[in-house]
Amino acid sequence: MSKKLKLRQKNTTIDKTLTYASETWILTKRDRKQLNIFESKLCRRILGPVYGSEKENWRILTNKEIYAMVNKPTITETIRLNRLHWFGHVQRMEGNRIHKRVLYMNLGTTRLRGRPRNRWQDEVRDYGRLVGGEGWQEKVHNREEWKKLLRPARNRRILHMPME
């Protein structure tokens, strides 16, 4: 099989399986790192070694070279965009739907001592600011405007954060 066909198969099969229901995940730093490592290892395996002309020997590709060749958002970027898509969908729902009620439910408990854990809403708020600036929450209610806001984010890799 050609490299192009292998990458297409990775994109359609492995990435979809890996990100199934990822809209609701809360990723820790360790989770993001492991997902990025898995993806880069897989791409490195598909693309194979390259011949370095300056040292005249074979070498493996760096992560930057891999992302430049694949020209697609990373797994963690895809998960972040999926979250924003889901958030927009839930925001446009009627107020009595269970998804919207759960999103804004107050459990009446206190948070534990120490540094608070990241909540799903905190991450969505941060990514929303990255993509749409300060007025991003008003754009959620207009579906076409929300799509226009998220489409360039997928292409420009705005949500890309280096491997931690």
C-alpha atoms as a PDB file:
ATOM      1  CA  MET A   1       0.000   0.000   0.000  1.00  0.00           C
ATOM      2  CA  SER A   2       1.174   3.512  -0.691  1.00  0.00           C
ATOM      3  CA  LYS A   3       1.872   6.009   2.097  1.00  0.00           C
ATOM      4  CA  LYS A   4      -1.015   8.167   0.920  1.00  0.00           C
ATOM      5  CA  LEU A   5      -3.443   5.265   1.165  1.00  0.00           C
ATOM      6  CA  LYS A   6      -2.107   4.282   4.599  1.00  0.00           C
ATOM      7  CA  LEU A   7      -2.576   7.845   5.860  1.00  0.00           C
ATOM      8  CA  ARG A   8      -6.104   7.925   4.458  1.00  0.00           C
ATOM      9  CA  GLN A   9      -6.878   4.655   6.229  1.00  0.00           C
ATOM     10  CA  LYS A  10      -5.445   6.052   9.469  1.00  0.00           C
ATOM     11  CA  ASN A  11      -7.594   9.175   9.133  1.00  0.00           C
ATOM     12  CA  THR A  12     -10.796   7.302   8.411  1.00  0.00           C
ATOM     13  CA  THR A  13     -10.453   4.300  10.698  1.00  0.00           C
ATOM     14  CA  ILE A  14      -8.048   4.852  13.561  1.00  0.00           C
ATOM     15  CA  ASP A  15      -8.701   8.558  14.176  1.00  0.00           C
ATOM     16  CA  LYS A  16     -12.479   8.101  14.153  1.00  0.00           C
ATOM     17  CA  THR A  17     -12.266   5.157  16.541  1.00  0.00           C
ATOM     18  CA  LEU A  18      -9.826   6.971  18.806  1.00  0.00           C
ATOM     19  CA  THR A  19     -11.955  10.129  19.062  1.00  0.00           C
ATOM     20  CA  TYR A  20     -15.336   8.427  19.436  1.00  0.00           C
ATOM     21  CA  ALA A  21     -17.401  10.390  22.012  1.00  0.00           C
ATOM     22  CA  SER A  22     -14.397  12.651  22.686  1.00  0.00           C
ATOM     23  CA  GLU A  23     -16.696  15.683  22.939  1.00  0.00           C
ATOM     24  CA  THR A  24     -17.296  14.861  26.585  1.00  0.00           C
ATOM     25  CA  TRP A  25     -13.764  13.963  27.654  1.00  0.00           C
ATOM     26  CA  ILE A  26     -11.670  15.987  30.030  1.00  0.00           C
ATOM     27  CA  LEU A  27      -8.073  15.447  29.005  1.00  0.00           C
ATOM     28  CA  THR A  28      -5.286  15.779  31.510  1.00  0.00           C
ATOM     29  CA  LYS A  29      -1.798  16.795  30.478  1.00  0.00           C
ATOM     30  CA  ARG A  30      -0.771  13.138  30.615  1.00  0.00           C
ATOM     31  CA  ASP A  31      -3.694  12.077  28.392  1.00  0.00           C
ATOM     32  CA  ARG A  32      -2.845  14.722  25.786  1.00  0.00           C
ATOM     33  CA  LYS A  33       0.799  13.669  25.815  1.00  0.00           C
ATOM     34  CA  GLN A  34      -0.051   9.983  25.381  1.00  0.00           C
ATOM     35  CA  LEU A  35      -2.456  10.710  22.518  1.00  0.00           C
ATOM     36  CA  ASN A  36       0.151  12.857  20.756  1.00  0.00           C
ATOM     37  CA  ILE A  37       2.825  10.202  21.233  1.00  0.00           C
ATOM     38  CA  PHE A  38       0.528   7.499  19.859  1.00  0.00           C
ATOM     39  CA  GLU A  39      -0.324   9.595  16.806  1.00  0.00           C
ATOM     40  CA  SER A  40       3.269  10.573  16.042  1.00  0.00           C
ATOM     41  CA  LYS A  41       4.459   6.963  16.427  1.00  0.00           C
ATOM     42  CA  LEU A  42       1.747   5.789  14.078  1.00  0.00           C
ATOM     43  CA  CYS A  43       2.546   8.450  11.473  1.00  0.00           C
ATOM     44  CA  ARG A  44       6.269   7.793  11.837  1.00  0.00           C
ATOM     45  CA  ARG A  45       5.607   4.112  11.195  1.00  0.00           C
ATOM     46  CA  ILE A  46       3.499   4.883   8.112  1.00  0.00           C
ATOM     47  CA  LEU A  47       5.843   7.488   6.627  1.00  0.00           C
ATOM     48  CA  GLY A  48       8.989   5.505   7.382  1.00  0.00           C
ATOM     49  CA  PRO A  49      12.556   6.782   7.624  1.00  0.00           C
ATOM     50  CA  VAL A  50      13.983   9.439   5.324  1.00  0.00           C
ATOM     51  CA  TYR A  51      17.418   9.695   3.791  1.00  0.00           C
ATOM     52  CA  GLY A  52      19.319  12.692   5.170  1.00  0.00           C
ATOM     53  CA  SER A  53      21.435  14.137   2.365  1.00  0.00           C
ATOM     54  CA  GLU A  54      23.730  16.259   4.573  1.00  0.00           C
ATOM     55  CA  LYS A  55      24.867  13.348   6.739  1.00  0.00           C
ATOM     56  CA  GLU A  56      24.173  10.720   4.084  1.00  0.00           C
ATOM     57  CA  ASN A  57      22.318   8.329   6.376  1.00  0.00           C
ATOM     58  CA  TRP A  58      18.788   7.255   7.235  1.00  0.00           C
ATOM     59  CA  ARG A  59      16.936   9.006  10.060  1.00  0.00           C
ATOM     60  CA  ILE A  60      13.443   9.099  11.535  1.00  0.00           C
ATOM     61  CA  LEU A  61      11.147  12.069  11.022  1.00  0.00           C
ATOM     62  CA  THR A  62      10.742  14.712  13.728  1.00  0.00           C
ATOM     63  CA  ASN A  63       7.271  15.650  14.980  1.00  0.00           C
ATOM     64  CA  LYS A  64       7.367  18.974  13.096  1.00  0.00           C
ATOM     65  CA  GLU A  65       8.221  17.165   9.865  1.00  0.00           C
ATOM     66  CA  ILE A  66       5.422  14.668  10.454  1.00  0.00           C
ATOM     67  CA  TYR A  67       2.798  17.384  11.063  1.00  0.00           C
ATOM     68  CA  ALA A  68       3.991  19.268   7.969  1.00  0.00           C
ATOM     69  CA  MET A  69       3.697  16.144   5.801  1.00  0.00           C
ATOM     70  CA  VAL A  70       0.340  14.999   7.195  1.00  0.00           C
ATOM     71  CA  ASN A  71      -1.149  18.526   6.980  1.00  0.00           C
ATOM     72  CA  LYS A  72      -4.042  17.690   9.296  1.00  0.00           C
ATOM     73  CA  PRO A  73      -4.944  18.661  12.866  1.00  0.00           C
ATOM     74  CA  THR A  74      -3.511  16.460  15.578  1.00  0.00           C
ATOM     75  CA  ILE A  75      -5.711  14.148  17.635  1.00  0.00           C
ATOM     76  CA  THR A  76      -5.807  16.599  20.551  1.00  0.00           C
ATOM     77  CA  GLU A  77      -6.755  19.482  18.228  1.00  0.00           C
ATOM     78  CA  THR A  78      -9.514  17.336  16.756  1.00  0.00           C
ATOM     79  CA  ILE A  79     -10.834  16.588  20.236  1.00  0.00           C
ATOM     80  CA  ARG A  80     -10.797  20.291  21.116  1.00  0.00           C
ATOM     81  CA  LEU A  81     -12.706  21.148  17.953  1.00  0.00           C
ATOM     82  CA  ASN A  82     -15.195  18.331  18.613  1.00  0.00           C
ATOM     83  CA  ARG A  83     -15.836  19.847  22.033  1.00  0.00           C
ATOM     84  CA  LEU A  84     -16.530  23.246  20.530  1.00  0.00           C
ATOM     85  CA  HIS A  85     -18.887  21.698  17.960  1.00  0.00           C
ATOM     86  CA  TRP A  86     -20.764  19.876  20.728  1.00  0.00           C
ATOM     87  CA  PHE A  87     -20.899  23.004  22.893  1.00  0.00           C
ATOM     88  CA  GLY A  88     -22.465  24.972  20.046  1.00  0.00           C
ATOM     89  CA  HIS A  89     -24.977  22.202  19.456  1.00  0.00           C
ATOM     90  CA  VAL A  90     -26.002  22.080  23.126  1.00  0.00           C
ATOM     91  CA  GLN A  91     -26.217  25.875  23.379  1.00  0.00           C
ATOM     92  CA  ARG A  92     -28.727  25.985  20.514  1.00  0.00           C
ATOM     93  CA  MET A  93     -30.946  23.339  22.161  1.00  0.00           C
ATOM     94  CA  GLU A  94     -34.134  24.221  24.001  1.00  0.00           C
ATOM     95  CA  GLY A  95     -33.724  24.798  27.736  1.00  0.00           C
ATOM     96  CA  ASN A  96     -35.705  21.737  28.816  1.00  0.00           C
ATOM     97  CA  ARG A  97     -33.499  19.204  26.966  1.00  0.00           C
ATOM     98  CA  ILE A  98     -31.479  16.977  29.279  1.00  0.00           C
ATOM     99  CA  HIS A  99     -28.131  17.780  27.638  1.00  0.00           C
ATOM    100  CA  LYS A 100     -28.517  21.479  28.358  1.00  0.00           C
ATOM    101  CA  ARG A 101     -29.809  20.905  31.885  1.00  0.00           C
ATOM    102  CA  VAL A 102     -26.824  18.668  32.705  1.00  0.00           C
ATOM    103  CA  LEU A 103     -24.389  21.205  31.257  1.00  0.00           C
ATOM    104  CA  TYR A 104     -25.608  23.914  33.639  1.00  0.00           C
ATOM    105  CA  MET A 105     -26.514  21.659  36.585  1.00  0.00           C
ATOM    106  CA  ASN A 106     -25.312  22.749  39.995  1.00  0.00           C
ATOM    107  CA  LEU A 107     -24.524  19.725  42.131  1.00  0.00           C
ATOM    108  CA  GLY A 108     -24.444  21.705  45.373  1.00  0.00           C
ATOM    109  CA  THR A 109     -21.125  20.262  46.488  1.00  0.00           C
ATOM    110  CA  THR A 110     -17.888  22.022  47.249  1.00  0.00           C
ATOM    111  CA  ARG A 111     -14.686  21.435  45.371  1.00  0.00           C
ATOM    112  CA  LEU A 112     -11.747  19.742  47.041  1.00  0.00           C
ATOM    113  CA  ARG A 113      -8.866  21.642  48.599  1.00  0.00           C
ATOM    114  CA  GLY A 114      -5.873  22.533  46.488  1.00  0.00           C
ATOM    115  CA  ARG A 115      -5.686  23.440  42.840  1.00  0.00           C
ATOM    116  CA  PRO A 116      -9.096  22.904  41.239  1.00  0.00           C
ATOM    117  CA  ARG A 117      -9.286  20.292  38.499  1.00  0.00           C
ATOM    118  CA  ASN A 118     -10.138  21.504  35.054  1.00  0.00           C
ATOM    119  CA  ARG A 119     -13.812  21.242  34.243  1.00  0.00           C
ATOM    120  CA  TRP A 120     -15.225  20.619  30.797  1.00  0.00           C
ATOM    121  CA  GLN A 121     -16.697  24.117  30.691  1.00  0.00           C
ATOM    122  CA  ASP A 122     -13.344  25.696  31.637  1.00  0.00           C
ATOM    123  CA  GLU A 123     -11.616  24.014  28.706  1.00  0.00           C
ATOM    124  CA  VAL A 124     -14.384  24.953  26.273  1.00  0.00           C
ATOM    125  CA  ARG A 125     -14.207  28.574  27.448  1.00  0.00           C
ATOM    126  CA  ASP A 126     -10.430  28.675  26.908  1.00  0.00           C
ATOM    127  CA  TYR A 127     -10.629  27.095  23.438  1.00  0.00           C
ATOM    128  CA  GLY A 128     -13.537  29.345  22.491  1.00  0.00           C
ATOM    129  CA  ARG A 129     -11.454  32.414  23.295  1.00  0.00           C
ATOM    130  CA  LEU A 130      -8.580  31.060  21.196  1.00  0.00           C
ATOM    131  CA  VAL A 131     -10.836  30.527  18.204  1.00  0.00           C
ATOM    132  CA  GLY A 132     -13.251  33.439  18.377  1.00  0.00           C
ATOM    133  CA  GLY A 133     -11.799  36.114  20.598  1.00  0.00           C
ATOM    134  CA  GLU A 134     -13.854  37.796  23.311  1.00  0.00           C
ATOM    135  CA  GLY A 135     -17.281  37.758  21.608  1.00  0.00           C
ATOM    136  CA  TRP A 136     -17.291  34.042  20.808  1.00  0.00           C
ATOM    137  CA  GLN A 137     -20.241  33.173  23.069  1.00  0.00           C
ATOM    138  CA  GLU A 138     -22.668  35.398  21.137  1.00  0.00           C
ATOM    139  CA  LYS A 139     -21.766  33.612  17.891  1.00  0.00           C
ATOM    140  CA  VAL A 140     -22.754  30.207  19.298  1.00  0.00           C
ATOM    141  CA  HIS A 141     -26.487  30.865  18.903  1.00  0.00           C
ATOM    142  CA  ASN A 142     -26.197  31.496  15.145  1.00  0.00           C
ATOM    143  CA  ARG A 143     -25.328  28.149  13.556  1.00  0.00           C
ATOM    144  CA  GLU A 144     -23.887  29.536  10.314  1.00  0.00           C
ATOM    145  CA  GLU A 145     -21.729  32.076  12.129  1.00  0.00           C
ATOM    146  CA  TRP A 146     -20.492  29.353  14.498  1.00  0.00           C
ATOM    147  CA  LYS A 147     -19.522  27.137  11.547  1.00  0.00           C
ATOM    148  CA  LYS A 148     -17.674  30.051   9.932  1.00  0.00           C
ATOM    149  CA  LEU A 149     -15.775  30.538  13.169  1.00  0.00           C
ATOM    150  CA  LEU A 150     -14.747  26.877  13.577  1.00  0.00           C
ATOM    151  CA  ARG A 151     -13.909  26.050   9.946  1.00  0.00           C
ATOM    152  CA  PRO A 152     -10.757  28.226   9.765  1.00  0.00           C
ATOM    153  CA  ALA A 153      -9.676  26.935  13.187  1.00  0.00           C
ATOM    154  CA  ARG A 154      -9.462  23.415  11.752  1.00  0.00           C
ATOM    155  CA  ASN A 155      -7.407  24.616   8.784  1.00  0.00           C
ATOM    156  CA  ARG A 156      -5.069  27.033  10.575  1.00  0.00           C
ATOM    157  CA  ARG A 157      -4.357  24.748  13.529  1.00  0.00           C
ATOM    158  CA  ILE A 158      -5.177  27.499  16.037  1.00  0.00           C
ATOM    159  CA  LEU A 159      -5.683  25.031  18.860  1.00  0.00           C
ATOM    160  CA  HIS A 160      -2.268  23.421  18.363  1.00  0.00           C
ATOM    161  CA  MET A 161      -0.314  23.323  21.558  1.00  0.00           C
ATOM    162  CA  PRO A 162       3.126  21.726  21.589  1.00  0.00           C
ATOM    163  CA  MET A 163       3.559  18.373  23.293  1.00  0.00           C
ATOM    164  CA  GLU A 164       3.745  18.970  27.013  1.00  0.00           C
END
